Amino acid sequence: MNAYFDNAATPWTELGDGIRRKVVGHTPELMSVLVQFDQGAIGTVHAHDDHDQIAFVISGEFEADVGGVKKVLRVGDAFVAPRLTPHGVVALAAGSTLLDQFSPRREDYL
């Protein structure tokens, strides 16, 4: 992994259904990932067996569901989903972007 992340030189990986991501950086214990959503795109509620996650809103607005509790998140807000905690989002604005942090890193993203 490079010590620097060059956003302009890093292409998005299209995930389908209006969602795309860029891996910002990682170590074995930590990973940062930009995830961008089209308006109305859904990050389906799911849980991680092996990963804690913090999702920080970089742009736009989301309706988040963490452990069955829904809340609208705006720029500067975040949610924390410890492993095994169901969580998901719906993008309420075009270009809504999260900075996801995972511990440990997501090997399936590499």
PDB file of N, CA and C in Angstrom:
ATOM      1  N   MET A   1       0.847  -1.181   0.000  1.00  0.00           N
ATOM      2  CA  MET A   1       0.000   0.000   0.000  1.00  0.00           C
ATOM      3  C   MET A   1       0.884   1.233   0.000  1.00  0.00           C
ATOM      4  N   ASN A   2       0.545   2.189  -0.838  1.00  0.00           N
ATOM      5  CA  ASN A   2       1.266   3.445  -0.908  1.00  0.00           C
ATOM      6  C   ASN A   2       1.034   4.254   0.366  1.00  0.00           C
ATOM      7  N   ALA A   3       2.022   5.038   0.780  1.00  0.00           N
ATOM      8  CA  ALA A   3       1.891   5.873   1.973  1.00  0.00           C
ATOM      9  C   ALA A   3       0.953   7.056   1.748  1.00  0.00           C
ATOM     10  N   TYR A   4       0.663   7.382   0.462  1.00  0.00           N
ATOM     11  CA  TYR A   4      -0.201   8.518   0.134  1.00  0.00           C
ATOM     12  C   TYR A   4      -1.365   8.070  -0.732  1.00  0.00           C
ATOM     13  N   PHE A   5      -2.507   8.730  -0.562  1.00  0.00           N
ATOM     14  CA  PHE A   5      -3.683   8.483  -1.386  1.00  0.00           C
ATOM     15  C   PHE A   5      -3.886   9.684  -2.284  1.00  0.00           C
ATOM     16  N   ASP A   6      -3.903   9.467  -3.587  1.00  0.00           N
ATOM     17  CA  ASP A   6      -4.128  10.528  -4.574  1.00  0.00           C
ATOM     18  C   ASP A   6      -5.541  10.360  -5.115  1.00  0.00           C
ATOM     19  N   ASN A   7      -6.479  11.122  -4.565  1.00  0.00           N
ATOM     20  CA  ASN A   7      -7.883  10.974  -4.916  1.00  0.00           C
ATOM     21  C   ASN A   7      -8.117  11.144  -6.409  1.00  0.00           C
ATOM     22  N   ALA A   8      -7.510  12.169  -7.011  1.00  0.00           N
ATOM     23  CA  ALA A   8      -7.731  12.451  -8.437  1.00  0.00           C
ATOM     24  C   ALA A   8      -7.227  11.330  -9.335  1.00  0.00           C
ATOM     25  N   ALA A   9      -6.204  10.619  -8.901  1.00  0.00           N
ATOM     26  CA  ALA A   9      -5.613   9.558  -9.718  1.00  0.00           C
ATOM     27  C   ALA A   9      -6.203   8.178  -9.421  1.00  0.00           C
ATOM     28  N   THR A  10      -7.090   8.094  -8.459  1.00  0.00           N
ATOM     29  CA  THR A  10      -7.656   6.808  -8.057  1.00  0.00           C
ATOM     30  C   THR A  10      -9.079   6.683  -8.605  1.00  0.00           C
ATOM     31  N   PRO A  11      -9.317   5.722  -9.483  1.00  0.00           N
ATOM     32  CA  PRO A  11     -10.667   5.570 -10.042  1.00  0.00           C
ATOM     33  C   PRO A  11     -11.616   4.940  -9.026  1.00  0.00           C
ATOM     34  N   TRP A  12     -12.901   5.219  -9.210  1.00  0.00           N
ATOM     35  CA  TRP A  12     -13.944   4.577  -8.411  1.00  0.00           C
ATOM     36  C   TRP A  12     -14.115   3.132  -8.873  1.00  0.00           C
ATOM     37  N   THR A  13     -14.386   2.245  -7.955  1.00  0.00           N
ATOM     38  CA  THR A  13     -14.801   0.882  -8.258  1.00  0.00           C
ATOM     39  C   THR A  13     -16.321   0.870  -8.186  1.00  0.00           C
ATOM     40  N   GLU A  14     -16.979   0.619  -9.323  1.00  0.00           N
ATOM     41  CA  GLU A  14     -18.438   0.603  -9.381  1.00  0.00           C
ATOM     42  C   GLU A  14     -18.957  -0.673  -8.732  1.00  0.00           C
ATOM     43  N   LEU A  15     -19.871  -0.522  -7.776  1.00  0.00           N
ATOM     44  CA  LEU A  15     -20.448  -1.661  -7.073  1.00  0.00           C
ATOM     45  C   LEU A  15     -21.846  -2.004  -7.574  1.00  0.00           C
ATOM     46  N   GLY A  16     -22.400  -1.129  -8.418  1.00  0.00           N
ATOM     47  CA  GLY A  16     -23.750  -1.335  -8.928  1.00  0.00           C
ATOM     48  C   GLY A  16     -24.779  -0.645  -8.053  1.00  0.00           C
ATOM     49  N   ASP A  17     -25.972  -0.481  -8.610  1.00  0.00           N
ATOM     50  CA  ASP A  17     -27.106   0.113  -7.899  1.00  0.00           C
ATOM     51  C   ASP A  17     -26.801   1.503  -7.352  1.00  0.00           C
ATOM     52  N   GLY A  18     -25.941   2.268  -8.075  1.00  0.00           N
ATOM     53  CA  GLY A  18     -25.668   3.649  -7.698  1.00  0.00           C
ATOM     54  C   GLY A  18     -24.669   3.828  -6.570  1.00  0.00           C
ATOM     55  N   ILE A  19     -23.809   2.827  -6.344  1.00  0.00           N
ATOM     56  CA  ILE A  19     -22.818   2.894  -5.267  1.00  0.00           C
ATOM     57  C   ILE A  19     -21.435   2.598  -5.843  1.00  0.00           C
ATOM     58  N   ARG A  20     -20.429   3.361  -5.382  1.00  0.00           N
ATOM     59  CA  ARG A  20     -19.050   3.167  -5.820  1.00  0.00           C
ATOM     60  C   ARG A  20     -18.111   3.404  -4.641  1.00  0.00           C
ATOM     61  N   ARG A  21     -16.885   2.836  -4.704  1.00  0.00           N
ATOM     62  CA  ARG A  21     -15.938   3.018  -3.597  1.00  0.00           C
ATOM     63  C   ARG A  21     -14.511   3.200  -4.089  1.00  0.00           C
ATOM     64  N   LYS A  22     -13.696   3.807  -3.219  1.00  0.00           N
ATOM     65  CA  LYS A  22     -12.250   3.928  -3.390  1.00  0.00           C
ATOM     66  C   LYS A  22     -11.610   3.556  -2.057  1.00  0.00           C
ATOM     67  N   VAL A  23     -10.653   2.642  -2.082  1.00  0.00           N
ATOM     68  CA  VAL A  23      -9.903   2.327  -0.868  1.00  0.00           C
ATOM     69  C   VAL A  23      -8.857   3.430  -0.688  1.00  0.00           C
ATOM     70  N   VAL A  24      -8.934   4.125   0.440  1.00  0.00           N
ATOM     71  CA  VAL A  24      -8.029   5.241   0.731  1.00  0.00           C
ATOM     72  C   VAL A  24      -6.693   4.730   1.240  1.00  0.00           C
ATOM     73  N   GLY A  25      -6.736   3.764   2.133  1.00  0.00           N
ATOM     74  CA  GLY A  25      -5.511   3.206   2.699  1.00  0.00           C
ATOM     75  C   GLY A  25      -5.849   2.097   3.667  1.00  0.00           C
ATOM     76  N   HIS A  26      -4.817   1.308   3.994  1.00  0.00           N
ATOM     77  CA  HIS A  26      -5.055   0.212   4.934  1.00  0.00           C
ATOM     78  C   HIS A  26      -3.758  -0.285   5.539  1.00  0.00           C
ATOM     79  N   THR A  27      -3.908  -0.851   6.716  1.00  0.00           N
ATOM     80  CA  THR A  27      -2.898  -1.667   7.378  1.00  0.00           C
ATOM     81  C   THR A  27      -3.628  -2.958   7.734  1.00  0.00           C
ATOM     82  N   PRO A  28      -2.948  -3.947   8.270  1.00  0.00           N
ATOM     83  CA  PRO A  28      -3.688  -5.149   8.657  1.00  0.00           C
ATOM     84  C   PRO A  28      -4.800  -4.872   9.681  1.00  0.00           C
ATOM     85  N   GLU A  29      -4.640  -3.836  10.506  1.00  0.00           N
ATOM     86  CA  GLU A  29      -5.599  -3.567  11.569  1.00  0.00           C
ATOM     87  C   GLU A  29      -6.652  -2.524  11.242  1.00  0.00           C
ATOM     88  N   LEU A  30      -6.479  -1.752  10.145  1.00  0.00           N
ATOM     89  CA  LEU A  30      -7.361  -0.612   9.879  1.00  0.00           C
ATOM     90  C   LEU A  30      -7.491  -0.381   8.375  1.00  0.00           C
ATOM     91  N   MET A  31      -8.690   0.036   7.947  1.00  0.00           N
ATOM     92  CA  MET A  31      -8.915   0.369   6.535  1.00  0.00           C
ATOM     93  C   MET A  31      -9.848   1.563   6.455  1.00  0.00           C
ATOM     94  N   SER A  32      -9.537   2.499   5.532  1.00  0.00           N
ATOM     95  CA  SER A  32     -10.395   3.645   5.232  1.00  0.00           C
ATOM     96  C   SER A  32     -10.862   3.531   3.789  1.00  0.00           C
ATOM     97  N   VAL A  33     -12.177   3.749   3.580  1.00  0.00           N
ATOM     98  CA  VAL A  33     -12.775   3.575   2.258  1.00  0.00           C
ATOM     99  C   VAL A  33     -13.779   4.699   2.015  1.00  0.00           C
ATOM    100  N   LEU A  34     -13.655   5.397   0.879  1.00  0.00           N
ATOM    101  CA  LEU A  34     -14.674   6.348   0.451  1.00  0.00           C
ATOM    102  C   LEU A  34     -15.765   5.575  -0.260  1.00  0.00           C
ATOM    103  N   VAL A  35     -17.020   5.829   0.103  1.00  0.00           N
ATOM    104  CA  VAL A  35     -18.160   5.178  -0.541  1.00  0.00           C
ATOM    105  C   VAL A  35     -19.135   6.279  -0.955  1.00  0.00           C
ATOM    106  N   GLN A  36     -19.395   6.368  -2.259  1.00  0.00           N
ATOM    107  CA  GLN A  36     -20.273   7.405  -2.797  1.00  0.00           C
ATOM    108  C   GLN A  36     -21.557   6.784  -3.325  1.00  0.00           C
ATOM    109  N   PHE A  37     -22.677   7.487  -3.091  1.00  0.00           N
ATOM    110  CA  PHE A  37     -24.005   6.988  -3.423  1.00  0.00           C
ATOM    111  C   PHE A  37     -24.738   7.983  -4.316  1.00  0.00           C
ATOM    112  N   ASP A  38     -25.470   7.479  -5.303  1.00  0.00           N
ATOM    113  CA  ASP A  38     -26.436   8.296  -6.019  1.00  0.00           C
ATOM    114  C   ASP A  38     -27.627   8.521  -5.094  1.00  0.00           C
ATOM    115  N   GLN A  39     -28.409   9.564  -5.355  1.00  0.00           N
ATOM    116  CA  GLN A  39     -29.600   9.808  -4.546  1.00  0.00           C
ATOM    117  C   GLN A  39     -30.527   8.599  -4.620  1.00  0.00           C
ATOM    118  N   GLY A  40     -30.986   8.149  -3.471  1.00  0.00           N
ATOM    119  CA  GLY A  40     -31.879   6.996  -3.389  1.00  0.00           C
ATOM    120  C   GLY A  40     -31.177   5.654  -3.335  1.00  0.00           C
ATOM    121  N   ALA A  41     -29.865   5.622  -3.546  1.00  0.00           N
ATOM    122  CA  ALA A  41     -29.130   4.356  -3.479  1.00  0.00           C
ATOM    123  C   ALA A  41     -29.174   3.815  -2.048  1.00  0.00           C
ATOM    124  N   ILE A  42     -29.235   2.504  -1.953  1.00  0.00           N
ATOM    125  CA  ILE A  42     -29.425   1.843  -0.661  1.00  0.00           C
ATOM    126  C   ILE A  42     -28.230   0.961  -0.327  1.00  0.00           C
ATOM    127  N   GLY A  43     -27.647   1.218   0.824  1.00  0.00           N
ATOM    128  CA  GLY A  43     -26.684   0.299   1.424  1.00  0.00           C
ATOM    129  C   GLY A  43     -27.498  -0.615   2.327  1.00  0.00           C
ATOM    130  N   THR A  44     -27.849  -1.781   1.812  1.00  0.00           N
ATOM    131  CA  THR A  44     -28.766  -2.705   2.483  1.00  0.00           C
ATOM    132  C   THR A  44     -28.293  -3.037   3.902  1.00  0.00           C
ATOM    133  N   VAL A  45     -29.236  -3.133   4.820  1.00  0.00           N
ATOM    134  CA  VAL A  45     -28.908  -3.476   6.206  1.00  0.00           C
ATOM    135  C   VAL A  45     -28.202  -4.833   6.231  1.00  0.00           C
ATOM    136  N   HIS A  46     -27.076  -4.860   6.921  1.00  0.00           N
ATOM    137  CA  HIS A  46     -26.253  -6.066   7.040  1.00  0.00           C
ATOM    138  C   HIS A  46     -25.446  -5.956   8.329  1.00  0.00           C
ATOM    139  N   ALA A  47     -24.726  -6.990   8.682  1.00  0.00           N
ATOM    140  CA  ALA A  47     -23.835  -6.979   9.846  1.00  0.00           C
ATOM    141  C   ALA A  47     -22.533  -7.669   9.459  1.00  0.00           C
ATOM    142  N   HIS A  48     -21.452  -7.295  10.126  1.00  0.00           N
ATOM    143  CA  HIS A  48     -20.139  -7.895   9.887  1.00  0.00           C
ATOM    144  C   HIS A  48     -19.798  -8.841  11.037  1.00  0.00           C
ATOM    145  N   ASP A  49     -19.384 -10.045  10.688  1.00  0.00           N
ATOM    146  CA  ASP A  49     -18.959 -10.999  11.713  1.00  0.00           C
ATOM    147  C   ASP A  49     -17.619 -10.617  12.334  1.00  0.00           C
ATOM    148  N   ASP A  50     -16.723 -10.028  11.516  1.00  0.00           N
ATOM    149  CA  ASP A  50     -15.340  -9.840  11.940  1.00  0.00           C
ATOM    150  C   ASP A  50     -14.859  -8.398  11.963  1.00  0.00           C
ATOM    151  N   HIS A  51     -15.711  -7.432  11.636  1.00  0.00           N
ATOM    152  CA  HIS A  51     -15.254  -6.052  11.495  1.00  0.00           C
ATOM    153  C   HIS A  51     -16.099  -5.068  12.287  1.00  0.00           C
ATOM    154  N   ASP A  52     -15.418  -4.167  13.005  1.00  0.00           N
ATOM    155  CA  ASP A  52     -16.066  -2.982  13.550  1.00  0.00           C
ATOM    156  C   ASP A  52     -16.049  -1.938  12.435  1.00  0.00           C
ATOM    157  N   GLN A  53     -17.061  -1.045  12.411  1.00  0.00           N
ATOM    158  CA  GLN A  53     -17.138  -0.027  11.358  1.00  0.00           C
ATOM    159  C   GLN A  53     -17.579   1.311  11.946  1.00  0.00           C
ATOM    160  N   ILE A  54     -16.923   2.371  11.488  1.00  0.00           N
ATOM    161  CA  ILE A  54     -17.370   3.738  11.732  1.00  0.00           C
ATOM    162  C   ILE A  54     -17.555   4.364  10.361  1.00  0.00           C
ATOM    163  N   ALA A  55     -18.704   5.009  10.130  1.00  0.00           N
ATOM    164  CA  ALA A  55     -18.993   5.664   8.851  1.00  0.00           C
ATOM    165  C   ALA A  55     -19.214   7.152   9.110  1.00  0.00           C
ATOM    166  N   PHE A  56     -18.367   7.987   8.521  1.00  0.00           N
ATOM    167  CA  PHE A  56     -18.379   9.438   8.703  1.00  0.00           C
ATOM    168  C   PHE A  56     -18.899  10.091   7.429  1.00  0.00           C
ATOM    169  N   VAL A  57     -19.886  10.974   7.548  1.00  0.00           N
ATOM    170  CA  VAL A  57     -20.476  11.617   6.373  1.00  0.00           C
ATOM    171  C   VAL A  57     -19.582  12.745   5.881  1.00  0.00           C
ATOM    172  N   ILE A  58     -19.062  12.572   4.655  1.00  0.00           N
ATOM    173  CA  ILE A  58     -18.185  13.553   4.011  1.00  0.00           C
ATOM    174  C   ILE A  58     -19.012  14.579   3.238  1.00  0.00           C
ATOM    175  N   SER A  59     -20.063  14.097   2.559  1.00  0.00           N
ATOM    176  CA  SER A  59     -20.935  14.993   1.790  1.00  0.00           C
ATOM    177  C   SER A  59     -22.330  14.392   1.709  1.00  0.00           C
ATOM    178  N   GLY A  60     -23.307  15.253   1.441  1.00  0.00           N
ATOM    179  CA  GLY A  60     -24.682  14.793   1.267  1.00  0.00           C
ATOM    180  C   GLY A  60     -25.389  14.517   2.579  1.00  0.00           C
ATOM    181  N   GLU A  61     -26.286  13.547   2.512  1.00  0.00           N
ATOM    182  CA  GLU A  61     -27.159  13.253   3.646  1.00  0.00           C
ATOM    183  C   GLU A  61     -27.630  11.803   3.525  1.00  0.00           C
ATOM    184  N   PHE A  62     -27.746  11.132   4.658  1.00  0.00           N
ATOM    185  CA  PHE A  62     -28.156   9.734   4.682  1.00  0.00           C
ATOM    186  C   PHE A  62     -29.217   9.505   5.751  1.00  0.00           C
ATOM    187  N   GLU A  63     -30.106   8.552   5.495  1.00  0.00           N
ATOM    188  CA  GLU A  63     -30.894   7.970   6.572  1.00  0.00           C
ATOM    189  C   GLU A  63     -30.159   6.691   6.949  1.00  0.00           C
ATOM    190  N   ALA A  64     -29.661   6.655   8.171  1.00  0.00           N
ATOM    191  CA  ALA A  64     -28.920   5.488   8.657  1.00  0.00           C
ATOM    192  C   ALA A  64     -29.819   4.658   9.560  1.00  0.00           C
ATOM    193  N   ASP A  65     -29.578   3.357   9.548  1.00  0.00           N
ATOM    194  CA  ASP A  65     -30.258   2.419  10.433  1.00  0.00           C
ATOM    195  C   ASP A  65     -29.167   1.610  11.114  1.00  0.00           C
ATOM    196  N   VAL A  66     -29.012   1.784  12.416  1.00  0.00           N
ATOM    197  CA  VAL A  66     -28.011   1.039  13.183  1.00  0.00           C
ATOM    198  C   VAL A  66     -28.729   0.347  14.325  1.00  0.00           C
ATOM    199  N   GLY A  67     -28.707  -0.960  14.282  1.00  0.00           N
ATOM    200  CA  GLY A  67     -29.369  -1.742  15.325  1.00  0.00           C
ATOM    201  C   GLY A  67     -30.860  -1.486  15.407  1.00  0.00           C
ATOM    202  N   GLY A  68     -31.485  -1.141  14.255  1.00  0.00           N
ATOM    203  CA  GLY A  68     -32.925  -0.906  14.213  1.00  0.00           C
ATOM    204  C   GLY A  68     -33.338   0.512  14.572  1.00  0.00           C
ATOM    205  N   VAL A  69     -32.379   1.377  14.898  1.00  0.00           N
ATOM    206  CA  VAL A  69     -32.657   2.777  15.221  1.00  0.00           C
ATOM    207  C   VAL A  69     -32.271   3.630  14.017  1.00  0.00           C
ATOM    208  N   LYS A  70     -33.236   4.385  13.476  1.00  0.00           N
ATOM    209  CA  LYS A  70     -32.993   5.211  12.295  1.00  0.00           C
ATOM    210  C   LYS A  70     -32.731   6.656  12.687  1.00  0.00           C
ATOM    211  N   LYS A  71     -31.816   7.302  11.930  1.00  0.00           N
ATOM    212  CA  LYS A  71     -31.468   8.695  12.178  1.00  0.00           C
ATOM    213  C   LYS A  71     -30.943   9.294  10.878  1.00  0.00           C
ATOM    214  N   VAL A  72     -31.286  10.547  10.618  1.00  0.00           N
ATOM    215  CA  VAL A  72     -30.745  11.253   9.459  1.00  0.00           C
ATOM    216  C   VAL A  72     -29.383  11.817   9.843  1.00  0.00           C
ATOM    217  N   LEU A  73     -28.379  11.518   9.002  1.00  0.00           N
ATOM    218  CA  LEU A  73     -27.013  11.981   9.227  1.00  0.00           C
ATOM    219  C   LEU A  73     -26.624  12.969   8.137  1.00  0.00           C
ATOM    220  N   ARG A  74     -25.976  14.061   8.539  1.00  0.00           N
ATOM    221  CA  ARG A  74     -25.526  15.101   7.621  1.00  0.00           C
ATOM    222  C   ARG A  74     -24.007  15.236   7.719  1.00  0.00           C
ATOM    223  N   VAL A  75     -23.436  16.093   6.905  1.00  0.00           N
ATOM    224  CA  VAL A  75     -21.986  16.295   6.879  1.00  0.00           C
ATOM    225  C   VAL A  75     -21.457  16.505   8.301  1.00  0.00           C
ATOM    226  N   GLY A  76     -20.441  15.739   8.639  1.00  0.00           N
ATOM    227  CA  GLY A  76     -19.829  15.812   9.959  1.00  0.00           C
ATOM    228  C   GLY A  76     -20.390  14.827  10.960  1.00  0.00           C
ATOM    229  N   ASP A  77     -21.516  14.189  10.636  1.00  0.00           N
ATOM    230  CA  ASP A  77     -22.103  13.167  11.504  1.00  0.00           C
ATOM    231  C   ASP A  77     -21.494  11.805  11.170  1.00  0.00           C
ATOM    232  N   ALA A  78     -21.699  10.842  12.049  1.00  0.00           N
ATOM    233  CA  ALA A  78     -21.171   9.494  11.835  1.00  0.00           C
ATOM    234  C   ALA A  78     -22.032   8.480  12.579  1.00  0.00           C
ATOM    235  N   PHE A  79     -21.839   7.208  12.205  1.00  0.00           N
ATOM    236  CA  PHE A  79     -22.408   6.125  13.014  1.00  0.00           C
ATOM    237  C   PHE A  79     -21.321   5.116  13.315  1.00  0.00           C
ATOM    238  N   VAL A  80     -21.519   4.397  14.413  1.00  0.00           N
ATOM    239  CA  VAL A  80     -20.602   3.344  14.836  1.00  0.00           C
ATOM    240  C   VAL A  80     -21.377   2.041  14.843  1.00  0.00           C
ATOM    241  N   ALA A  81     -20.848   1.029  14.148  1.00  0.00           N
ATOM    242  CA  ALA A  81     -21.476  -0.290  14.095  1.00  0.00           C
ATOM    243  C   ALA A  81     -20.446  -1.349  14.497  1.00  0.00           C
ATOM    244  N   PRO A  82     -20.413  -1.701  15.790  1.00  0.00           N
ATOM    245  CA  PRO A  82     -19.526  -2.784  16.198  1.00  0.00           C
ATOM    246  C   PRO A  82     -19.899  -4.081  15.480  1.00  0.00           C
ATOM    247  N   ARG A  83     -18.949  -4.985  15.385  1.00  0.00           N
ATOM    248  CA  ARG A  83     -19.233  -6.266  14.715  1.00  0.00           C
ATOM    249  C   ARG A  83     -20.526  -6.876  15.232  1.00  0.00           C
ATOM    250  N   LEU A  84     -21.245  -7.536  14.348  1.00  0.00           N
ATOM    251  CA  LEU A  84     -22.523  -8.199  14.577  1.00  0.00           C
ATOM    252  C   LEU A  84     -23.709  -7.242  14.728  1.00  0.00           C
ATOM    253  N   THR A  85     -23.487  -5.921  14.590  1.00  0.00           N
ATOM    254  CA  THR A  85     -24.570  -4.941  14.700  1.00  0.00           C
ATOM    255  C   THR A  85     -25.148  -4.661  13.315  1.00  0.00           C
ATOM    256  N   PRO A  86     -26.440  -4.919  13.090  1.00  0.00           N
ATOM    257  CA  PRO A  86     -27.036  -4.621  11.786  1.00  0.00           C
ATOM    258  C   PRO A  86     -26.999  -3.115  11.514  1.00  0.00           C
ATOM    259  N   HIS A  87     -26.637  -2.754  10.266  1.00  0.00           N
ATOM    260  CA  HIS A  87     -26.559  -1.349   9.878  1.00  0.00           C
ATOM    261  C   HIS A  87     -26.725  -1.210   8.371  1.00  0.00           C
ATOM    262  N   GLY A  88     -27.212  -0.047   7.950  1.00  0.00           N
ATOM    263  CA  GLY A  88     -27.381   0.243   6.534  1.00  0.00           C
ATOM    264  C   GLY A  88     -27.744   1.704   6.359  1.00  0.00           C
ATOM    265  N   VAL A  89     -27.756   2.171   5.097  1.00  0.00           N
ATOM    266  CA  VAL A  89     -28.054   3.577   4.814  1.00  0.00           C
ATOM    267  C   VAL A  89     -28.882   3.701   3.546  1.00  0.00           C
ATOM    268  N   VAL A  90     -29.565   4.841   3.435  1.00  0.00           N
ATOM    269  CA  VAL A  90     -30.206   5.278   2.195  1.00  0.00           C
ATOM    270  C   VAL A  90     -29.702   6.684   1.939  1.00  0.00           C
ATOM    271  N   ALA A  91     -29.172   6.926   0.731  1.00  0.00           N
ATOM    272  CA  ALA A  91     -28.674   8.254   0.379  1.00  0.00           C
ATOM    273  C   ALA A  91     -29.845   9.173   0.064  1.00  0.00           C
ATOM    274  N   LEU A  92     -29.885  10.323   0.729  1.00  0.00           N
ATOM    275  CA  LEU A  92     -30.983  11.266   0.545  1.00  0.00           C
ATOM    276  C   LEU A  92     -30.634  12.369  -0.443  1.00  0.00           C
ATOM    277  N   ALA A  93     -29.369  12.420  -0.899  1.00  0.00           N
ATOM    278  CA  ALA A  93     -28.932  13.442  -1.854  1.00  0.00           C
ATOM    279  C   ALA A  93     -27.924  12.824  -2.817  1.00  0.00           C
ATOM    280  N   ALA A  94     -27.877  13.357  -4.022  1.00  0.00           N
ATOM    281  CA  ALA A  94     -26.909  12.886  -5.023  1.00  0.00           C
ATOM    282  C   ALA A  94     -25.489  13.143  -4.527  1.00  0.00           C
ATOM    283  N   GLY A  95     -24.590  12.213  -4.801  1.00  0.00           N
ATOM    284  CA  GLY A  95     -23.187  12.378  -4.430  1.00  0.00           C
ATOM    285  C   GLY A  95     -22.916  12.247  -2.949  1.00  0.00           C
ATOM    286  N   SER A  96     -23.862  11.716  -2.197  1.00  0.00           N
ATOM    287  CA  SER A  96     -23.633  11.522  -0.761  1.00  0.00           C
ATOM    288  C   SER A  96     -22.472  10.551  -0.573  1.00  0.00           C
ATOM    289  N   THR A  97     -21.530  10.920   0.312  1.00  0.00           N
ATOM    290  CA  THR A  97     -20.295  10.148   0.452  1.00  0.00           C
ATOM    291  C   THR A  97     -19.985   9.886   1.913  1.00  0.00           C
ATOM    292  N   LEU A  98     -19.619   8.641   2.202  1.00  0.00           N
ATOM    293  CA  LEU A  98     -19.161   8.230   3.523  1.00  0.00           C
ATOM    294  C   LEU A  98     -17.676   7.924   3.483  1.00  0.00           C
ATOM    295  N   LEU A  99     -16.991   8.196   4.581  1.00  0.00           N
ATOM    296  CA  LEU A  99     -15.659   7.656   4.802  1.00  0.00           C
ATOM    297  C   LEU A  99     -15.848   6.529   5.799  1.00  0.00           C
ATOM    298  N   ASP A 100     -15.767   5.292   5.306  1.00  0.00           N
ATOM    299  CA  ASP A 100     -15.920   4.108   6.151  1.00  0.00           C
ATOM    300  C   ASP A 100     -14.561   3.717   6.708  1.00  0.00           C
ATOM    301  N   GLN A 101     -14.546   3.393   7.999  1.00  0.00           N
ATOM    302  CA  GLN A 101     -13.351   2.891   8.675  1.00  0.00           C
ATOM    303  C   GLN A 101     -13.670   1.483   9.164  1.00  0.00           C
ATOM    304  N   PHE A 102     -12.796   0.546   8.857  1.00  0.00           N
ATOM    305  CA  PHE A 102     -12.990  -0.836   9.278  1.00  0.00           C
ATOM    306  C   PHE A 102     -11.804  -1.311  10.096  1.00  0.00           C
ATOM    307  N   SER A 103     -12.099  -2.092  11.130  1.00  0.00           N
ATOM    308  CA  SER A 103     -11.045  -2.746  11.906  1.00  0.00           C
ATOM    309  C   SER A 103     -11.478  -4.182  12.175  1.00  0.00           C
ATOM    310  N   PRO A 104     -10.661  -5.161  11.795  1.00  0.00           N
ATOM    311  CA  PRO A 104      -9.471  -5.025  10.963  1.00  0.00           C
ATOM    312  C   PRO A 104      -9.859  -4.699   9.505  1.00  0.00           C
ATOM    313  N   ARG A 105      -8.857  -4.595   8.625  1.00  0.00           N
ATOM    314  CA  ARG A 105      -9.152  -4.251   7.224  1.00  0.00           C
ATOM    315  C   ARG A 105     -10.012  -5.318   6.578  1.00  0.00           C
ATOM    316  N   ARG A 106     -10.715  -4.898   5.510  1.00  0.00           N
ATOM    317  CA  ARG A 106     -11.560  -5.800   4.727  1.00  0.00           C
ATOM    318  C   ARG A 106     -10.710  -6.437   3.632  1.00  0.00           C
ATOM    319  N   GLU A 107     -10.307  -7.658   3.818  1.00  0.00           N
ATOM    320  CA  GLU A 107      -9.500  -8.344   2.804  1.00  0.00           C
ATOM    321  C   GLU A 107     -10.265  -8.475   1.493  1.00  0.00           C
ATOM    322  N   ASP A 108     -11.600  -8.572   1.556  1.00  0.00           N
ATOM    323  CA  ASP A 108     -12.404  -8.738   0.348  1.00  0.00           C
ATOM    324  C   ASP A 108     -12.423  -7.461  -0.500  1.00  0.00           C
ATOM    325  N   TYR A 109     -11.955  -6.332   0.022  1.00  0.00           N
ATOM    326  CA  TYR A 109     -11.884  -5.078  -0.742  1.00  0.00           C
ATOM    327  C   TYR A 109     -10.572  -4.932  -1.497  1.00  0.00           C
ATOM    328  N   LEU A 110      -9.601  -5.798  -1.201  1.00  0.00           N
ATOM    329  CA  LEU A 110      -8.272  -5.668  -1.825  1.00  0.00           C
ATOM    330  C   LEU A 110      -8.173  -6.463  -3.114  1.00  0.00           C
TER     331      LEU A 110
END
